[in-house]
């Protein structure tokens, strides 16, 4: 989080004071550092080096068009999970041949559109999906490049909601059945088998589960080669964690280097799908204290941001660092729960934080660049927050604050009742 720093008591992002941004755009709002995003992407690209492959940003982490545009200009590929995400990438200037289509529920319409624009590969999640892609590709007379997402039954030791590599998870094909499914795929029309895919979870700090999964995938690749099915690329997904609190994020150079060494003499391209580790620590959610509500058992600071703006603390029990935009030296430090205006007891952004605050003070919830805005909603008829990109000493509004007109767009009163 080096792009957030304090200068003359004021919290800055790159060359701008966050209070200046809050004055200009209001709160709540999301702010992102362009430098942090580019540096995080470069760490992956540099680690891959001259080894053939792609760094495909998992855009579900943050799908703002300006951020996709920045990454596309740097040569990034994209990991998508819906037709909407496909259109976002294309709108932002991403190249179709650098797009990997993941996700368990692809529709015929999404498959056809992806074939028509010429994406790189489908990560196939089930045998039923395999049949569907074969059917659509055959009817359209456009061959589909496919990779089977293999579930290696590896415990990623992360939150159960973001663990994806165990046999009880909904993702992928059991590794015990993968060989047979590949053989079946080899008999289907309209398919080009080009890869093996695996994704075991998110916010993983210890890389040993990745290496365990890799060992199992390489056995499968070798078995397929003996059967005459030659794999061109190995997609190891994303899931590398970031520092929210005391975690030590993995060294990307060491991680990718160890994978390349483990490949040995196998001529395999490598595909990675980082999301959180590209954008997570680039962003913050800015919010203002509306009211203080001290009590005998709990002290509540009611702010203008809520669970509809950032659901991670409520949904995942996520901990994110909270910093005042300006240190209030006149106030006594107390322990506060930071809660929002939503009519839910689960509406909180942080609990048990030592802060010296008063009404009107502003706070920054750090590490909000990933799974913040993209998971926001209009619950309680609240307009979604704007997004601002900081580039040096300049700021750019990359998404406007939603208005009431935005909230009711597409709704209709009953004519007979008006």
Protein backbone atom coordinates (compact mmCIF):
# COMPACT_ATOMS: atom_id res chain seq x y z
CA UNK A 1 0.00 0.00 0.00
CA UNK A 2 2.95 2.26 -0.64
CA UNK A 3 0.95 4.64 -2.83
CA UNK A 4 -1.06 5.68 0.24
CA UNK A 5 1.13 7.83 2.46
CA UNK A 6 0.77 10.55 5.05
CA UNK A 7 2.13 14.03 4.35
CA UNK A 8 1.70 16.94 6.80
CA UNK A 9 -0.89 14.92 8.73
CA UNK A 10 -2.97 14.35 5.55
CA UNK A 11 -3.40 10.93 3.91
CA UNK A 12 -2.38 11.07 0.24
CA UNK A 13 -2.78 8.76 -2.73
CA UNK A 14 0.14 9.29 -5.10
CA UNK A 15 0.38 13.10 -5.37
CA UNK A 16 -3.10 14.04 -4.13
CA UNK A 17 -4.52 14.55 -0.65
CA UNK A 18 -7.54 12.30 -0.21
CA UNK A 19 -9.43 15.14 1.49
CA UNK A 20 -9.05 17.10 -1.74
CA UNK A 21 -10.62 14.22 -3.66
CA UNK A 22 -13.45 13.93 -1.11
CA UNK A 23 -14.08 17.70 -1.37
CA UNK A 24 -14.32 17.47 -5.15
CA UNK A 25 -16.31 14.27 -5.62
CA UNK A 26 -18.08 13.80 -2.29
CA UNK A 27 -18.34 10.68 -0.15
CA UNK A 28 -18.67 7.77 -0.24
CA UNK A 29 -16.37 7.28 -3.20
CA UNK A 30 -13.81 4.81 -4.48
CA UNK A 31 -10.32 5.99 -5.40
CA UNK A 32 -7.66 3.96 -7.23
CA UNK A 33 -3.96 4.45 -7.94
CA UNK A 34 -2.93 4.01 -11.56
CA UNK A 35 0.71 3.53 -10.51
CA UNK A 36 -0.23 0.70 -8.12
CA UNK A 37 -2.25 -1.12 -10.78
CA UNK A 38 0.49 -0.87 -13.39
CA UNK A 39 3.21 -1.91 -10.94
CA UNK A 40 1.22 -4.98 -9.84
CA UNK A 41 0.64 -6.06 -13.44
CA UNK A 42 4.30 -5.52 -14.31
CA UNK A 43 5.33 -7.82 -11.46
CA UNK A 44 3.52 -10.70 -13.19
CA UNK A 45 4.64 -9.81 -16.70
CA UNK A 46 8.27 -9.44 -15.61
CA UNK A 47 8.16 -12.73 -13.70
CA UNK A 48 6.82 -14.58 -16.74
CA UNK A 49 9.55 -12.94 -18.81
CA UNK A 50 10.31 -14.69 -22.07
CA UNK A 51 8.41 -17.85 -21.16
CA UNK A 52 5.45 -18.24 -23.57
CA UNK A 53 2.12 -17.41 -22.01
CA UNK A 54 -0.38 -14.77 -20.91
CA UNK A 55 -1.22 -12.71 -17.85
CA UNK A 56 -5.02 -12.58 -18.00
CA UNK A 57 -6.46 -10.11 -15.50
CA UNK A 58 -9.46 -11.63 -13.69
CA UNK A 59 -11.76 -8.69 -14.25
CA UNK A 60 -14.39 -9.80 -11.76
CA UNK A 61 -12.14 -8.13 -9.17
CA UNK A 62 -12.72 -4.69 -10.68
CA UNK A 63 -14.28 -4.20 -14.10
CA UNK A 64 -14.22 -0.42 -14.52
CA UNK A 65 -13.60 0.42 -18.19
CA UNK A 66 -10.73 2.80 -17.46
CA UNK A 67 -8.88 0.15 -15.46
CA UNK A 68 -9.42 -2.42 -18.22
CA UNK A 69 -8.17 0.16 -20.73
CA UNK A 70 -4.97 0.74 -18.72
CA UNK A 71 -4.27 -2.99 -18.54
CA UNK A 72 -5.14 -3.57 -22.22
CA UNK A 73 -2.62 -0.91 -23.21
CA UNK A 74 0.02 -2.77 -21.21
CA UNK A 75 -0.72 -5.94 -23.18
CA UNK A 76 -2.74 -7.78 -20.57
CA UNK A 77 -5.09 -10.59 -21.38
CA UNK A 78 -8.40 -10.95 -19.55
CA UNK A 79 -10.18 -13.72 -17.66
CA UNK A 80 -13.94 -13.27 -18.00
CA UNK A 81 -16.95 -15.08 -16.53
CA UNK A 82 -19.89 -13.58 -18.42
CA UNK A 83 -21.02 -12.07 -21.69
CA UNK A 84 -21.17 -8.68 -20.03
CA UNK A 85 -17.52 -8.93 -19.03
CA UNK A 86 -16.66 -9.91 -22.61
CA UNK A 87 -18.31 -6.75 -23.93
CA UNK A 88 -16.53 -4.64 -21.32
CA UNK A 89 -13.14 -5.94 -22.43
CA UNK A 90 -13.91 -5.30 -26.09
CA UNK A 91 -15.19 -1.79 -25.29
CA UNK A 92 -12.01 -1.03 -23.35
CA UNK A 93 -9.78 -2.10 -26.25
CA UNK A 94 -8.83 -5.59 -25.09
CA UNK A 95 -7.88 -8.09 -27.79
CA UNK A 96 -10.25 -11.06 -28.21
CA UNK A 97 -7.31 -13.41 -28.80
CA UNK A 98 -6.14 -12.62 -25.25
CA UNK A 99 -9.45 -13.49 -23.56
CA UNK A 100 -10.04 -16.64 -21.48
CA UNK A 101 -13.71 -17.42 -20.77
CA UNK A 102 -14.22 -19.07 -17.36
CA UNK A 103 -17.38 -19.58 -15.29
CA UNK A 104 -19.76 -22.46 -14.60
CA UNK A 105 -22.89 -21.16 -16.32
CA UNK A 106 -22.12 -20.03 -19.87
CA UNK A 107 -25.24 -19.67 -22.02
CA UNK A 108 -25.49 -20.59 -25.71
CA UNK A 109 -25.68 -16.88 -26.55
CA UNK A 110 -22.51 -16.12 -24.59
CA UNK A 111 -20.67 -19.05 -26.17
CA UNK A 112 -21.67 -17.98 -29.68
CA UNK A 113 -20.67 -14.36 -29.13
CA UNK A 114 -17.28 -15.44 -27.77
CA UNK A 115 -16.74 -17.69 -30.79
CA UNK A 116 -17.71 -14.92 -33.20
CA UNK A 117 -15.22 -12.41 -31.77
CA UNK A 118 -12.46 -15.04 -31.61
CA UNK A 119 -11.51 -15.49 -27.95
CA UNK A 120 -8.42 -17.48 -27.01
CA UNK A 121 -10.03 -20.31 -25.02
CA UNK A 122 -13.02 -21.53 -23.02
CA UNK A 123 -12.26 -22.93 -19.57
CA UNK A 124 -14.85 -25.73 -19.49
CA UNK A 125 -16.35 -26.43 -16.06
CA UNK A 126 -18.49 -29.52 -16.67
CA UNK A 127 -19.27 -32.31 -19.12
CA UNK A 128 -22.64 -30.72 -19.87
CA UNK A 129 -20.91 -27.47 -20.81
CA UNK A 130 -18.48 -29.40 -23.00
CA UNK A 131 -21.41 -30.79 -24.98
CA UNK A 132 -22.98 -27.33 -25.25
CA UNK A 133 -19.82 -25.71 -26.59
CA UNK A 134 -19.41 -28.55 -29.10
CA UNK A 135 -23.00 -28.10 -30.28
CA UNK A 136 -22.81 -24.30 -30.60
CA UNK A 137 -19.39 -24.39 -32.27
CA UNK A 138 -20.50 -27.06 -34.75
CA UNK A 139 -23.68 -25.17 -35.66
CA UNK A 140 -21.74 -21.92 -36.08
CA UNK A 141 -18.93 -23.68 -37.97
CA UNK A 142 -16.39 -21.91 -35.72
CA UNK A 143 -14.00 -24.27 -33.88
CA UNK A 144 -13.77 -23.64 -30.13
CA UNK A 145 -10.46 -23.78 -28.28
CA UNK A 146 -11.09 -25.45 -24.96
CA UNK A 147 -9.32 -26.16 -21.72
CA UNK A 148 -10.87 -28.36 -19.04
CA UNK A 149 -10.97 -26.83 -15.59
CA UNK A 150 -9.69 -29.57 -13.35
CA UNK A 151 -10.60 -29.66 -9.67
CA UNK A 152 -7.50 -31.12 -7.98
CA UNK A 153 -9.09 -31.49 -4.49
CA UNK A 154 -6.44 -29.25 -2.92
CA UNK A 155 -7.24 -27.26 0.22
CA UNK A 156 -6.22 -23.64 -0.35
CA UNK A 157 -6.65 -22.82 3.38
CA UNK A 158 -8.75 -19.75 2.68
CA UNK A 159 -12.29 -18.56 3.47
CA UNK A 160 -14.81 -21.27 2.48
CA UNK A 161 -16.73 -18.85 0.25
CA UNK A 162 -13.63 -18.25 -1.91
CA UNK A 163 -12.23 -21.78 -1.86
CA UNK A 164 -12.76 -23.40 -5.26
CA UNK A 165 -10.41 -26.39 -5.49
CA UNK A 166 -12.04 -28.95 -3.20
CA UNK A 167 -14.24 -31.76 -4.48
CA UNK A 168 -17.25 -30.33 -2.62
CA UNK A 169 -16.97 -27.03 -4.53
CA UNK A 170 -19.10 -26.37 -7.62
CA UNK A 171 -16.16 -25.62 -9.89
CA UNK A 172 -14.39 -27.79 -12.42
CA UNK A 173 -14.18 -31.50 -13.14
CA UNK A 174 -12.90 -33.94 -10.53
CA UNK A 175 -9.29 -34.75 -11.36
CA UNK A 176 -10.12 -38.45 -11.04
CA UNK A 177 -12.47 -38.12 -14.02
CA UNK A 178 -10.49 -35.54 -16.00
CA UNK A 179 -8.63 -38.02 -18.22
CA UNK A 180 -11.87 -39.70 -19.32
CA UNK A 181 -13.54 -36.34 -19.97
CA UNK A 182 -10.60 -35.24 -22.11
CA UNK A 183 -10.86 -38.46 -24.10
CA UNK A 184 -14.55 -37.80 -24.61
CA UNK A 185 -13.84 -34.21 -25.67
CA UNK A 186 -11.40 -35.57 -28.22
CA UNK A 187 -14.31 -37.34 -29.96
CA UNK A 188 -16.60 -34.28 -30.12
CA UNK A 189 -17.01 -32.05 -33.14
CA UNK A 190 -16.07 -28.39 -33.13
CA UNK A 191 -13.50 -28.56 -30.33
CA UNK A 192 -9.75 -27.93 -30.24
CA UNK A 193 -8.23 -29.20 -27.00
CA UNK A 194 -5.41 -26.79 -26.16
CA UNK A 195 -5.10 -26.57 -22.37
CA UNK A 196 -5.56 -27.71 -18.82
CA UNK A 197 -6.94 -25.20 -16.32
CA UNK A 198 -7.02 -25.06 -12.53
CA UNK A 199 -8.10 -22.47 -9.97
CA UNK A 200 -8.12 -23.45 -6.30
CA UNK A 201 -9.29 -20.30 -4.52
CA UNK A 202 -8.64 -16.70 -3.64
CA UNK A 203 -6.59 -14.70 -1.13
CA UNK A 204 -4.03 -17.52 -0.82
CA UNK A 205 -0.86 -16.49 1.02
CA UNK A 206 0.99 -19.81 1.18
CA UNK A 207 1.96 -20.97 -2.32
CA UNK A 208 2.37 -24.64 -1.38
CA UNK A 209 -1.26 -25.50 -2.33
CA UNK A 210 -0.55 -24.10 -5.81
CA UNK A 211 2.49 -26.34 -6.14
CA UNK A 212 0.53 -29.38 -4.92
CA UNK A 213 -2.11 -28.68 -7.57
CA UNK A 214 0.59 -28.23 -10.22
CA UNK A 215 2.10 -31.62 -9.42
CA UNK A 216 -1.28 -33.27 -9.99
CA UNK A 217 -1.90 -31.35 -13.21
CA UNK A 218 1.46 -32.32 -14.67
CA UNK A 219 0.68 -36.02 -14.14
CA UNK A 220 -2.54 -35.48 -16.08
CA UNK A 221 -0.70 -33.60 -18.87
CA UNK A 222 1.79 -36.47 -19.20
CA UNK A 223 -0.96 -39.10 -19.22
CA UNK A 224 -2.83 -37.19 -21.93
CA UNK A 225 0.32 -36.92 -24.05
CA UNK A 226 0.75 -40.70 -23.91
CA UNK A 227 -2.85 -41.03 -25.14
CA UNK A 228 -2.17 -38.70 -28.07
CA UNK A 229 -3.82 -35.58 -26.59
CA UNK A 230 -1.15 -32.90 -26.53
CA UNK A 231 -1.69 -29.93 -24.25
CA UNK A 232 -0.31 -26.55 -25.33
CA UNK A 233 -0.98 -24.40 -22.30
CA UNK A 234 -1.34 -24.77 -18.56
CA UNK A 235 -3.67 -22.24 -16.92
CA UNK A 236 -2.96 -22.01 -13.20
CA UNK A 237 -5.65 -19.44 -12.47
CA UNK A 238 -5.27 -16.68 -9.92
CA UNK A 239 -5.78 -16.54 -6.18
CA UNK A 240 -2.54 -14.95 -4.98
CA UNK A 241 -3.35 -13.04 -1.82
CA UNK A 242 -2.54 -9.48 -0.81
CA UNK A 243 -1.69 -7.83 2.50
CA UNK A 244 -4.79 -6.63 4.31
CA UNK A 245 -3.40 -6.79 7.83
CA UNK A 246 -0.29 -8.74 8.83
CA UNK A 247 -0.23 -11.17 5.89
CA UNK A 248 2.93 -11.49 3.86
CA UNK A 249 1.94 -11.63 0.21
CA UNK A 250 3.90 -14.15 -1.92
CA UNK A 251 6.79 -12.94 -4.06
CA UNK A 252 5.48 -13.13 -7.64
CA UNK A 253 8.95 -13.59 -9.16
CA UNK A 254 9.70 -16.55 -6.91
CA UNK A 255 6.24 -18.05 -7.40
CA UNK A 256 6.27 -18.01 -11.20
CA UNK A 257 9.95 -18.95 -11.30
CA UNK A 258 9.26 -22.08 -9.24
CA UNK A 259 6.45 -23.05 -11.62
CA UNK A 260 8.63 -22.63 -14.70
CA UNK A 261 11.33 -24.79 -13.11
CA UNK A 262 8.81 -27.50 -12.25
CA UNK A 263 7.72 -27.75 -15.89
CA UNK A 264 11.09 -29.28 -16.73
CA UNK A 265 11.36 -30.12 -20.41
CA UNK A 266 7.60 -29.83 -21.06
CA UNK A 267 6.84 -27.24 -23.74
CA UNK A 268 3.86 -25.63 -22.06
CA UNK A 269 2.69 -22.05 -22.29
CA UNK A 270 1.64 -20.63 -18.93
CA UNK A 271 -1.52 -18.66 -18.27
CA UNK A 272 -2.18 -16.82 -15.02
CA UNK A 273 -5.42 -15.12 -13.97
CA UNK A 274 -4.57 -12.60 -11.22
CA UNK A 275 -7.33 -10.27 -10.08
CA UNK A 276 -7.15 -9.17 -6.44
CA UNK A 277 -3.35 -9.03 -6.51
CA UNK A 278 -3.48 -6.59 -9.45
CA UNK A 279 -6.01 -4.10 -8.08
CA UNK A 280 -6.68 -4.92 -4.41
CA UNK A 281 -4.21 -2.59 -2.75
CA UNK A 282 -4.62 0.11 -5.40
CA UNK A 283 -7.87 1.42 -3.96
CA UNK A 284 -9.69 2.85 -0.97
CA UNK A 285 -13.29 3.61 -0.09
CA UNK A 286 -13.60 7.13 1.33
CA UNK A 287 -16.40 7.84 3.79
CA UNK A 288 -17.46 10.60 6.18
CA UNK A 289 -18.56 10.26 9.81
CA UNK A 290 -22.21 11.36 10.10
CA UNK A 291 -22.88 10.72 13.79
CA UNK A 292 -21.14 9.34 16.84
CA UNK A 293 -23.22 7.10 19.07
CA UNK A 294 -21.22 6.16 22.18
CA UNK A 295 -22.75 3.58 24.48
CA UNK A 296 -22.12 1.56 27.61
CA UNK A 297 -21.26 -1.61 25.67
CA UNK A 298 -20.39 -0.34 22.19
CA UNK A 299 -19.37 2.89 20.54
CA UNK A 300 -20.79 3.31 17.05
CA UNK A 301 -19.50 5.69 14.41
CA UNK A 302 -22.20 6.00 11.76
CA UNK A 303 -20.69 6.82 8.36
CA UNK A 304 -22.14 7.55 4.93
CA UNK A 305 -20.74 4.37 3.34
CA UNK A 306 -22.51 1.08 3.94
CA UNK A 307 -22.61 -2.62 3.18
CA UNK A 308 -24.18 -1.81 -0.19
CA UNK A 309 -20.92 0.03 -1.03
CA UNK A 310 -18.59 -2.67 0.30
CA UNK A 311 -20.13 -5.98 1.35
CA UNK A 312 -16.84 -7.78 2.08
CA UNK A 313 -16.78 -7.20 5.87
CA UNK A 314 -20.37 -8.36 6.21
CA UNK A 315 -20.18 -11.26 3.75
CA UNK A 316 -16.66 -12.58 4.38
CA UNK A 317 -15.93 -11.13 7.80
CA UNK A 318 -13.13 -9.35 5.96
CA UNK A 319 -10.72 -7.06 7.80
CA UNK A 320 -9.54 -3.93 6.01
CA UNK A 321 -7.28 -1.25 7.40
CA UNK A 322 -9.07 1.97 8.32
CA UNK A 323 -7.22 5.30 8.28
CA UNK A 324 -8.41 8.85 9.05
CA UNK A 325 -7.79 11.23 6.17
CA UNK A 326 -6.49 13.74 8.70
CA UNK A 327 -5.38 12.81 12.22
CA UNK A 328 -7.67 14.47 14.75
CA UNK A 329 -5.32 15.48 17.55
CA UNK A 330 -8.04 17.22 19.56
CA UNK A 331 -10.13 14.11 20.12
CA UNK A 332 -9.70 11.28 22.61
CA UNK A 333 -9.03 7.88 21.08
CA UNK A 334 -11.83 5.35 21.69
CA UNK A 335 -12.80 1.96 20.35
CA UNK A 336 -15.44 2.26 17.62
CA UNK A 337 -17.51 0.06 15.35
CA UNK A 338 -17.76 1.77 11.96
CA UNK A 339 -21.30 1.17 10.71
CA UNK A 340 -23.45 2.42 7.83
CA UNK A 341 -27.03 3.68 7.36
CA UNK A 342 -28.42 0.37 5.99
CA UNK A 343 -31.22 -1.19 8.03
CA UNK A 344 -29.29 -4.37 8.79
CA UNK A 345 -27.29 -5.31 11.89
CA UNK A 346 -24.75 -6.76 9.45
CA UNK A 347 -24.10 -3.31 7.97
CA UNK A 348 -20.58 -2.57 9.14
CA UNK A 349 -17.25 -1.71 7.55
CA UNK A 350 -14.99 -2.27 10.57
CA UNK A 351 -15.28 -3.30 14.19
CA UNK A 352 -13.30 -2.52 17.34
CA UNK A 353 -11.02 0.14 15.84
CA UNK A 354 -9.07 2.59 17.98
CA UNK A 355 -9.80 6.01 16.49
CA UNK A 356 -9.83 9.66 17.54
CA UNK A 357 -12.79 10.93 15.49
CA UNK A 358 -15.71 13.33 15.50
CA UNK A 359 -18.65 14.04 13.25
CA UNK A 360 -17.45 15.36 9.88
CA UNK A 361 -14.15 13.49 9.93
CA UNK A 362 -13.36 11.34 6.93
CA UNK A 363 -11.98 7.82 6.83
CA UNK A 364 -10.35 5.63 4.19
CA UNK A 365 -11.06 1.91 4.09
CA UNK A 366 -7.90 0.66 2.42
CA UNK A 367 -7.38 -2.40 0.19
CA UNK A 368 -10.72 -1.71 -1.50
CA UNK A 369 -9.59 -1.95 -5.11
CA UNK A 370 -10.84 -5.52 -5.50
CA UNK A 371 -14.37 -6.82 -4.85
CA UNK A 372 -15.48 -3.42 -3.59
CA UNK A 373 -17.46 -1.49 -6.16
CA UNK A 374 -18.10 -4.58 -8.33
CA UNK A 375 -20.06 -6.19 -5.50
CA UNK A 376 -21.94 -3.02 -4.58
CA UNK A 377 -25.71 -2.74 -4.90
CA UNK A 378 -28.65 -0.35 -4.67
CA UNK A 379 -30.02 -1.88 -1.47
CA UNK A 380 -32.17 0.62 0.44
CA UNK A 381 -32.36 2.59 -2.83
CA UNK A 382 -28.88 3.95 -2.39
CA UNK A 383 -27.06 5.15 -5.49
CA UNK A 384 -23.71 3.49 -6.08
CA UNK A 385 -20.59 5.50 -5.33
CA UNK A 386 -18.40 7.17 -7.97
CA UNK A 387 -14.98 5.82 -8.91
CA UNK A 388 -11.95 8.08 -9.26
CA UNK A 389 -8.56 7.23 -10.73
CA UNK A 390 -5.52 9.05 -9.37
CA UNK A 391 -2.61 9.48 -11.77
CA UNK A 392 0.23 11.41 -10.16
CA UNK A 393 -1.18 14.76 -9.06
CA UNK A 394 -4.32 14.47 -11.22
CA UNK A 395 -7.66 12.75 -10.65
CA UNK A 396 -10.09 11.39 -13.23
CA UNK A 397 -13.75 10.61 -12.68
CA UNK A 398 -14.05 7.14 -14.21
CA UNK A 399 -17.61 6.44 -13.02
CA UNK A 400 -20.20 9.00 -12.01
CA UNK A 401 -22.21 8.81 -8.82
CA UNK A 402 -25.61 7.24 -9.48
CA UNK A 403 -28.63 9.51 -9.32
CA UNK A 404 -32.23 8.73 -8.47
CA UNK A 405 -32.94 8.71 -12.21
CA UNK A 406 -30.33 5.97 -12.56
CA UNK A 407 -32.01 3.98 -9.78
CA UNK A 408 -35.42 3.90 -11.44
CA UNK A 409 -34.29 3.61 -15.05
CA UNK A 410 -36.25 0.76 -16.64
CA UNK A 411 -39.01 0.77 -14.00
CA UNK A 412 -42.58 1.65 -14.97
CA UNK A 413 -45.62 2.78 -13.01
CA UNK A 414 -48.88 1.03 -13.77
CA UNK A 415 -50.71 3.22 -16.27
CA UNK A 416 -54.10 2.26 -14.88
CA UNK A 417 -53.10 3.49 -11.43
CA UNK A 418 -51.68 6.87 -12.43
